[in-house]
Every structure is written in structure tokens, then in C-alpha cells.
C-alpha atoms as a PDB file:
ATOM      1  CA  UNK A   1     -34.434 -10.808  -9.779  1.00  0.00           C
ATOM      2  CA  UNK A   2     -31.340 -12.946  -9.916  1.00  0.00           C
ATOM      3  CA  UNK A   3     -28.871 -13.834  -7.201  1.00  0.00           C
ATOM      4  CA  UNK A   4     -26.392 -11.279  -8.527  1.00  0.00           C
ATOM      5  CA  UNK A   5     -28.906  -8.457  -7.953  1.00  0.00           C
ATOM      6  CA  UNK A   6     -28.576  -8.723  -4.163  1.00  0.00           C
ATOM      7  CA  UNK A   7     -26.001  -5.922  -3.928  1.00  0.00           C
ATOM      8  CA  UNK A   8     -28.421  -3.427  -5.434  1.00  0.00           C
ATOM      9  CA  UNK A   9     -31.143  -4.075  -2.845  1.00  0.00           C
ATOM     10  CA  UNK A  10     -31.808  -1.218  -0.431  1.00  0.00           C
ATOM     11  CA  UNK A  11     -31.343  -3.427   2.641  1.00  0.00           C
ATOM     12  CA  UNK A  12     -27.961  -4.593   1.342  1.00  0.00           C
ATOM     13  CA  UNK A  13     -26.871  -0.996   0.825  1.00  0.00           C
ATOM     14  CA  UNK A  14     -27.979  -0.098   4.371  1.00  0.00           C
ATOM     15  CA  UNK A  15     -26.099  -3.046   5.865  1.00  0.00           C
ATOM     16  CA  UNK A  16     -22.956  -2.336   3.846  1.00  0.00           C
ATOM     17  CA  UNK A  17     -23.009   1.324   4.891  1.00  0.00           C
ATOM     18  CA  UNK A  18     -23.304   0.309   8.549  1.00  0.00           C
ATOM     19  CA  UNK A  19     -20.406  -2.136   8.189  1.00  0.00           C
ATOM     20  CA  UNK A  20     -18.308   0.598   6.561  1.00  0.00           C
ATOM     21  CA  UNK A  21     -19.129   2.951   9.449  1.00  0.00           C
ATOM     22  CA  UNK A  22     -18.213   0.339  12.053  1.00  0.00           C
ATOM     23  CA  UNK A  23     -14.982  -0.447  10.248  1.00  0.00           C
ATOM     24  CA  UNK A  24     -14.086   3.262  10.099  1.00  0.00           C
ATOM     25  CA  UNK A  25     -14.846   3.748  13.815  1.00  0.00           C
ATOM     26  CA  UNK A  26     -12.717   0.759  14.773  1.00  0.00           C
ATOM     27  CA  UNK A  27      -9.806   2.028  12.679  1.00  0.00           C
ATOM     28  CA  UNK A  28     -10.042   5.451  14.323  1.00  0.00           C
ATOM     29  CA  UNK A  29     -10.218   3.911  17.785  1.00  0.00           C
ATOM     30  CA  UNK A  30      -7.285   1.638  17.045  1.00  0.00           C
ATOM     31  CA  UNK A  31      -5.264   4.567  15.740  1.00  0.00           C
ATOM     32  CA  UNK A  32      -5.714   6.490  18.997  1.00  0.00           C
ATOM     33  CA  UNK A  33      -5.602   3.678  21.566  1.00  0.00           C
ATOM     34  CA  UNK A  34      -3.203   1.097  20.090  1.00  0.00           C
ATOM     35  CA  UNK A  35      -0.981  -0.442  22.723  1.00  0.00           C
ATOM     36  CA  UNK A  36      -3.166   0.337  25.729  1.00  0.00           C
ATOM     37  CA  UNK A  37      -4.846  -3.068  25.651  1.00  0.00           C
ATOM     38  CA  UNK A  38      -3.229  -5.579  23.273  1.00  0.00           C
ATOM     39  CA  UNK A  39      -6.157  -7.993  23.567  1.00  0.00           C
ATOM     40  CA  UNK A  40      -8.628  -5.308  22.436  1.00  0.00           C
ATOM     41  CA  UNK A  41      -6.193  -4.270  19.677  1.00  0.00           C
ATOM     42  CA  UNK A  42      -6.291  -7.827  18.339  1.00  0.00           C
ATOM     43  CA  UNK A  43     -10.087  -7.948  18.599  1.00  0.00           C
ATOM     44  CA  UNK A  44     -10.410  -4.650  16.731  1.00  0.00           C
ATOM     45  CA  UNK A  45      -8.042  -5.815  13.995  1.00  0.00           C
ATOM     46  CA  UNK A  46     -10.051  -9.011  13.612  1.00  0.00           C
ATOM     47  CA  UNK A  47     -13.337  -7.110  13.443  1.00  0.00           C
ATOM     48  CA  UNK A  48     -11.915  -4.707  10.845  1.00  0.00           C
ATOM     49  CA  UNK A  49     -10.800  -7.670   8.732  1.00  0.00           C
ATOM     50  CA  UNK A  50     -14.141  -9.447   9.148  1.00  0.00           C
ATOM     51  CA  UNK A  51     -16.110  -6.368   8.088  1.00  0.00           C
ATOM     52  CA  UNK A  52     -13.782  -6.028   5.105  1.00  0.00           C
ATOM     53  CA  UNK A  53     -14.412  -9.651   4.128  1.00  0.00           C
ATOM     54  CA  UNK A  54     -18.161  -9.069   4.123  1.00  0.00           C
ATOM     55  CA  UNK A  55     -17.852  -5.817   2.181  1.00  0.00           C
ATOM     56  CA  UNK A  56     -15.688  -7.510  -0.464  1.00  0.00           C
ATOM     57  CA  UNK A  57     -17.862 -10.602  -0.784  1.00  0.00           C
ATOM     58  CA  UNK A  58     -18.872 -11.846  -4.199  1.00  0.00           C
ATOM     59  CA  UNK A  59     -21.274 -14.629  -4.929  1.00  0.00           C
ATOM     60  CA  UNK A  60     -19.876 -17.511  -6.965  1.00  0.00           C
ATOM     61  CA  UNK A  61     -22.251 -16.673  -9.801  1.00  0.00           C
ATOM     62  CA  UNK A  62     -20.848 -13.118  -9.999  1.00  0.00           C
ATOM     63  CA  UNK A  63     -17.391 -14.403 -10.884  1.00  0.00           C
ATOM     64  CA  UNK A  64     -18.588 -16.699 -13.679  1.00  0.00           C
ATOM     65  CA  UNK A  65     -18.816 -15.413 -17.238  1.00  0.00           C
END
């Protein structure tokens, strides 16, 4: 197994699915509660972005040809 195989591992798929679910829930919550608590709105936006960063991550070796 090489470093680039990590995305195909079952545990990686489970973690990514959970992050996608959390991101979706936060977006839905933000859509219905935006403006009620600006501090929580900012936290939710940051969490959504952070989950997105993890989901879009690529290892350096994956980008090299």
C-alpha cells in the first residue's frame, strides 16, 4: 500500500462520510437560524469551511506526476 491509497481505506471513507454529514447538518442549521446568534453563525461557517478543507485534502504525492 502506498501513501496515495489512504483515501480508499474503509476507515477513511467512514470518516469522510461523517464529515460530510456534519457539514450538511451545519449548513441546514445555519440556513434556518442565521442571524439569531452571530457568534454561532461565525463558528458554524468556520466549521463548514474546516470540514470542507479536510474533505478536499490531497497528499503532496497525489499531485505529483
